[in-house]
Amino acid sequence: MARTIEIAGPPAETSATIDLFPIGSDTSTQSVAATEATNRSGVYTGTITAGALDYYVQLQGSDGLMLADGWARVSATDTTHHVVDDLNYQLADLVSYCLTVLAGTISTANTATETFDLTLEGEAYRAAVSVDSDGNRTAQTLSKP
């Protein structure tokens, strides 16, 4: 299976491309041909070689106009990576941090800072929680180690 990127856009575009921009950069690091799915009108895919990273993604028409955009978290896994809008992108991170505390492993229980770790779809999440002598949470730090 290949690593692909999938993005929704207007149907029946020919010669469209998918451009990937690392978060914080205005320079595209990869541009690939976009092919519309035969059974899903307006859904385009392209085969990518980009490294594992978070990307801002654009679907470009043959005339260079942007047809659609969004965000994608590309892992090193050979799978299809879906482009989502900004709200879904942020929500995925928030839910992942909640799951880290609820279902992740804890490596420093009964200490002043309890550390919870969880890996979801190749992305590592960590929640470090400071507790007082009564076990009450006093501060937290969320990170992607």
C-alpha atoms as a PDB file:
ATOM      1  CA  MET A   1       0.000   0.000   0.000  1.00  0.00           C
ATOM      2  CA  ALA A   2       1.251   3.504  -0.804  1.00  0.00           C
ATOM      3  CA  ARG A   3       1.195   6.650   1.277  1.00  0.00           C
ATOM      4  CA  THR A   4      -1.545   8.812  -0.137  1.00  0.00           C
ATOM      5  CA  ILE A   5      -3.157  12.131   0.710  1.00  0.00           C
ATOM      6  CA  GLU A   6      -6.912  12.611   0.257  1.00  0.00           C
ATOM      7  CA  ILE A   7      -8.724  15.946  -0.030  1.00  0.00           C
ATOM      8  CA  ALA A   8     -12.295  16.952  -0.968  1.00  0.00           C
ATOM      9  CA  GLY A   9     -12.864  19.601  -3.617  1.00  0.00           C
ATOM     10  CA  PRO A  10     -15.139  20.549  -6.492  1.00  0.00           C
ATOM     11  CA  PRO A  11     -15.956  17.633  -8.803  1.00  0.00           C
ATOM     12  CA  ALA A  12     -14.698  17.060 -12.350  1.00  0.00           C
ATOM     13  CA  GLU A  13     -11.374  18.914 -12.070  1.00  0.00           C
ATOM     14  CA  THR A  14      -8.755  17.643 -14.482  1.00  0.00           C
ATOM     15  CA  SER A  15      -5.015  18.202 -14.161  1.00  0.00           C
ATOM     16  CA  ALA A  16      -5.370  19.181 -10.481  1.00  0.00           C
ATOM     17  CA  THR A  17      -2.434  18.960  -8.082  1.00  0.00           C
ATOM     18  CA  ILE A  18      -2.059  18.551  -4.327  1.00  0.00           C
ATOM     19  CA  ASP A  19       0.564  20.792  -2.705  1.00  0.00           C
ATOM     20  CA  LEU A  20       1.999  20.147   0.770  1.00  0.00           C
ATOM     21  CA  PHE A  21       3.380  22.951   2.932  1.00  0.00           C
ATOM     22  CA  PRO A  22       5.040  22.195   6.288  1.00  0.00           C
ATOM     23  CA  ILE A  23       3.217  24.046   9.073  1.00  0.00           C
ATOM     24  CA  GLY A  24       4.683  27.554   9.345  1.00  0.00           C
ATOM     25  CA  SER A  25       6.164  27.581   5.841  1.00  0.00           C
ATOM     26  CA  ASP A  26       4.905  29.288   2.695  1.00  0.00           C
ATOM     27  CA  THR A  27       7.031  27.051   0.485  1.00  0.00           C
ATOM     28  CA  SER A  28       5.545  23.857  -0.923  1.00  0.00           C
ATOM     29  CA  THR A  29       7.780  20.858  -0.254  1.00  0.00           C
ATOM     30  CA  GLN A  30       5.880  18.517  -2.546  1.00  0.00           C
ATOM     31  CA  SER A  31       3.386  18.801  -5.385  1.00  0.00           C
ATOM     32  CA  VAL A  32       1.708  15.653  -6.733  1.00  0.00           C
ATOM     33  CA  ALA A  33      -0.916  14.905  -9.370  1.00  0.00           C
ATOM     34  CA  ALA A  34      -4.434  14.651  -7.939  1.00  0.00           C
ATOM     35  CA  THR A  35      -6.787  11.988  -9.259  1.00  0.00           C
ATOM     36  CA  GLU A  36     -10.537  12.175  -8.630  1.00  0.00           C
ATOM     37  CA  ALA A  37     -12.074   8.982  -7.247  1.00  0.00           C
ATOM     38  CA  THR A  38     -14.387   7.261  -9.719  1.00  0.00           C
ATOM     39  CA  ASN A  39     -16.904   6.313  -7.040  1.00  0.00           C
ATOM     40  CA  ARG A  40     -16.751   9.502  -4.911  1.00  0.00           C
ATOM     41  CA  SER A  41     -17.276  12.697  -6.854  1.00  0.00           C
ATOM     42  CA  GLY A  42     -15.058  15.543  -5.668  1.00  0.00           C
ATOM     43  CA  VAL A  43     -12.633  13.391  -3.643  1.00  0.00           C
ATOM     44  CA  TYR A  44      -9.027  13.577  -4.891  1.00  0.00           C
ATOM     45  CA  THR A  45      -5.984  11.523  -3.932  1.00  0.00           C
ATOM     46  CA  GLY A  46      -2.292  11.710  -4.696  1.00  0.00           C
ATOM     47  CA  THR A  47       0.697   9.496  -3.873  1.00  0.00           C
ATOM     48  CA  ILE A  48       3.184  11.273  -1.606  1.00  0.00           C
ATOM     49  CA  THR A  49       6.748  10.778  -0.422  1.00  0.00           C
ATOM     50  CA  ALA A  50       6.730  13.656   2.089  1.00  0.00           C
ATOM     51  CA  GLY A  51       8.166  12.965   5.500  1.00  0.00           C
ATOM     52  CA  ALA A  52       6.141  12.423   8.653  1.00  0.00           C
ATOM     53  CA  LEU A  53       4.981  15.905   9.651  1.00  0.00           C
ATOM     54  CA  ASP A  54       1.940  18.144   9.960  1.00  0.00           C
ATOM     55  CA  TYR A  55       1.093  19.874   6.681  1.00  0.00           C
ATOM     56  CA  TYR A  56      -1.095  22.628   5.319  1.00  0.00           C
ATOM     57  CA  VAL A  57      -2.497  21.140   2.098  1.00  0.00           C
ATOM     58  CA  GLN A  58      -3.933  22.808  -1.012  1.00  0.00           C
ATOM     59  CA  LEU A  59      -5.790  21.341  -3.968  1.00  0.00           C
ATOM     60  CA  GLN A  60      -4.822  23.429  -7.006  1.00  0.00           C
ATOM     61  CA  GLY A  61      -6.670  23.560 -10.327  1.00  0.00           C
ATOM     62  CA  SER A  62      -4.824  23.426 -13.637  1.00  0.00           C
ATOM     63  CA  ASP A  63      -5.096  27.236 -13.785  1.00  0.00           C
ATOM     64  CA  GLY A  64      -3.243  27.559 -10.458  1.00  0.00           C
ATOM     65  CA  LEU A  65      -6.314  28.591  -8.456  1.00  0.00           C
ATOM     66  CA  MET A  66      -6.775  27.032  -5.038  1.00  0.00           C
ATOM     67  CA  LEU A  67      -9.841  24.764  -5.051  1.00  0.00           C
ATOM     68  CA  ALA A  68      -9.682  23.477  -1.466  1.00  0.00           C
ATOM     69  CA  ASP A  69      -7.371  23.510   1.534  1.00  0.00           C
ATOM     70  CA  GLY A  70      -6.972  22.019   4.985  1.00  0.00           C
ATOM     71  CA  TRP A  71      -4.578  20.270   7.345  1.00  0.00           C
ATOM     72  CA  ALA A  72      -3.099  16.780   7.361  1.00  0.00           C
ATOM     73  CA  ARG A  73      -0.990  14.865   9.841  1.00  0.00           C
ATOM     74  CA  VAL A  74       1.231  12.617   7.739  1.00  0.00           C
ATOM     75  CA  SER A  75       2.797   9.658   9.523  1.00  0.00           C
ATOM     76  CA  ALA A  76       5.470   7.287   8.251  1.00  0.00           C
ATOM     77  CA  THR A  77       2.785   4.605   7.825  1.00  0.00           C
ATOM     78  CA  ASP A  78       1.777   3.483   4.333  1.00  0.00           C
ATOM     79  CA  THR A  79      -1.850   4.557   4.507  1.00  0.00           C
ATOM     80  CA  THR A  80      -4.252   7.234   3.312  1.00  0.00           C
ATOM     81  CA  HIS A  81      -3.866  10.535   5.163  1.00  0.00           C
ATOM     82  CA  HIS A  82      -7.049  12.624   5.144  1.00  0.00           C
ATOM     83  CA  VAL A  83      -7.099  16.411   4.892  1.00  0.00           C
ATOM     84  CA  VAL A  84      -9.396  18.023   7.463  1.00  0.00           C
ATOM     85  CA  ASP A  85     -10.458  21.586   8.138  1.00  0.00           C
ATOM     86  CA  ASP A  86      -8.900  23.592  10.975  1.00  0.00           C
ATOM     87  CA  LEU A  87     -11.579  22.774  13.553  1.00  0.00           C
ATOM     88  CA  ASN A  88     -11.260  19.005  13.036  1.00  0.00           C
ATOM     89  CA  TYR A  89      -7.463  19.275  13.186  1.00  0.00           C
ATOM     90  CA  GLN A  90      -7.555  21.009  16.584  1.00  0.00           C
ATOM     91  CA  LEU A  91     -10.285  18.721  17.903  1.00  0.00           C
ATOM     92  CA  ALA A  92      -8.232  15.624  17.058  1.00  0.00           C
ATOM     93  CA  ASP A  93      -5.363  16.918  19.211  1.00  0.00           C
ATOM     94  CA  LEU A  94      -7.666  17.787  22.119  1.00  0.00           C
ATOM     95  CA  VAL A  95      -9.292  14.360  22.111  1.00  0.00           C
ATOM     96  CA  SER A  96      -5.879  12.691  21.871  1.00  0.00           C
ATOM     97  CA  TYR A  97      -4.661  14.498  25.001  1.00  0.00           C
ATOM     98  CA  CYS A  98      -7.830  13.443  26.864  1.00  0.00           C
ATOM     99  CA  LEU A  99      -7.199   9.833  25.839  1.00  0.00           C
ATOM    100  CA  THR A 100      -3.578  10.160  26.981  1.00  0.00           C
ATOM    101  CA  VAL A 101      -4.684  10.787  30.564  1.00  0.00           C
ATOM    102  CA  LEU A 102      -7.549   8.282  30.457  1.00  0.00           C
ATOM    103  CA  ALA A 103      -5.887   5.374  28.659  1.00  0.00           C
ATOM    104  CA  GLY A 104      -2.172   6.123  28.421  1.00  0.00           C
ATOM    105  CA  THR A 105       0.616   4.543  30.402  1.00  0.00           C
ATOM    106  CA  ILE A 106       1.762   6.318  33.553  1.00  0.00           C
ATOM    107  CA  SER A 107       5.461   6.212  34.287  1.00  0.00           C
ATOM    108  CA  THR A 108       5.778   8.319  37.432  1.00  0.00           C
ATOM    109  CA  ALA A 109       2.778   7.492  39.641  1.00  0.00           C
ATOM    110  CA  ASN A 110       2.771   8.765  43.241  1.00  0.00           C
ATOM    111  CA  THR A 111       5.383  11.446  42.537  1.00  0.00           C
ATOM    112  CA  ALA A 112       5.130  15.233  42.365  1.00  0.00           C
ATOM    113  CA  THR A 113       4.751  15.022  38.572  1.00  0.00           C
ATOM    114  CA  GLU A 114       2.816  12.160  37.009  1.00  0.00           C
ATOM    115  CA  THR A 115       3.576  11.542  33.330  1.00  0.00           C
ATOM    116  CA  PHE A 116       1.041   9.934  30.974  1.00  0.00           C
ATOM    117  CA  ASP A 117       2.072   8.757  27.483  1.00  0.00           C
ATOM    118  CA  LEU A 118       0.036   7.479  24.541  1.00  0.00           C
ATOM    119  CA  THR A 119       0.761   6.949  20.840  1.00  0.00           C
ATOM    120  CA  LEU A 120      -2.137   7.207  18.373  1.00  0.00           C
ATOM    121  CA  GLU A 121      -1.681   6.652  14.630  1.00  0.00           C
ATOM    122  CA  GLY A 122       2.073   7.171  14.930  1.00  0.00           C
ATOM    123  CA  GLU A 123       1.750  10.433  16.901  1.00  0.00           C
ATOM    124  CA  ALA A 124       3.054  10.519  20.505  1.00  0.00           C
ATOM    125  CA  TYR A 125       1.184  12.517  23.161  1.00  0.00           C
ATOM    126  CA  ARG A 126       2.318  13.306  26.703  1.00  0.00           C
ATOM    127  CA  ALA A 127       0.537  14.898  29.647  1.00  0.00           C
ATOM    128  CA  ALA A 128       2.718  15.790  32.624  1.00  0.00           C
ATOM    129  CA  VAL A 129       0.591  16.602  35.663  1.00  0.00           C
ATOM    130  CA  SER A 130       1.932  18.215  38.830  1.00  0.00           C
ATOM    131  CA  VAL A 131       0.204  17.157  42.035  1.00  0.00           C
ATOM    132  CA  ASP A 132       0.352  18.449  45.600  1.00  0.00           C
ATOM    133  CA  SER A 133       0.849  16.311  48.714  1.00  0.00           C
ATOM    134  CA  ASP A 134      -2.895  15.512  48.798  1.00  0.00           C
ATOM    135  CA  GLY A 135      -2.841  14.246  45.192  1.00  0.00           C
ATOM    136  CA  ASN A 136      -4.681  17.279  43.758  1.00  0.00           C
ATOM    137  CA  ARG A 137      -3.637  18.408  40.294  1.00  0.00           C
ATOM    138  CA  THR A 138      -1.960  21.812  40.406  1.00  0.00           C
ATOM    139  CA  ALA A 139      -0.561  22.218  36.876  1.00  0.00           C
ATOM    140  CA  GLN A 140      -0.302  20.356  33.599  1.00  0.00           C
ATOM    141  CA  THR A 141       1.904  20.398  30.536  1.00  0.00           C
ATOM    142  CA  LEU A 142       0.817  18.910  27.215  1.00  0.00           C
ATOM    143  CA  SER A 143       3.463  17.981  24.653  1.00  0.00           C
ATOM    144  CA  LYS A 144       4.330  15.787  21.689  1.00  0.00           C
ATOM    145  CA  PRO A 145       7.688  14.277  22.624  1.00  0.00           C
END
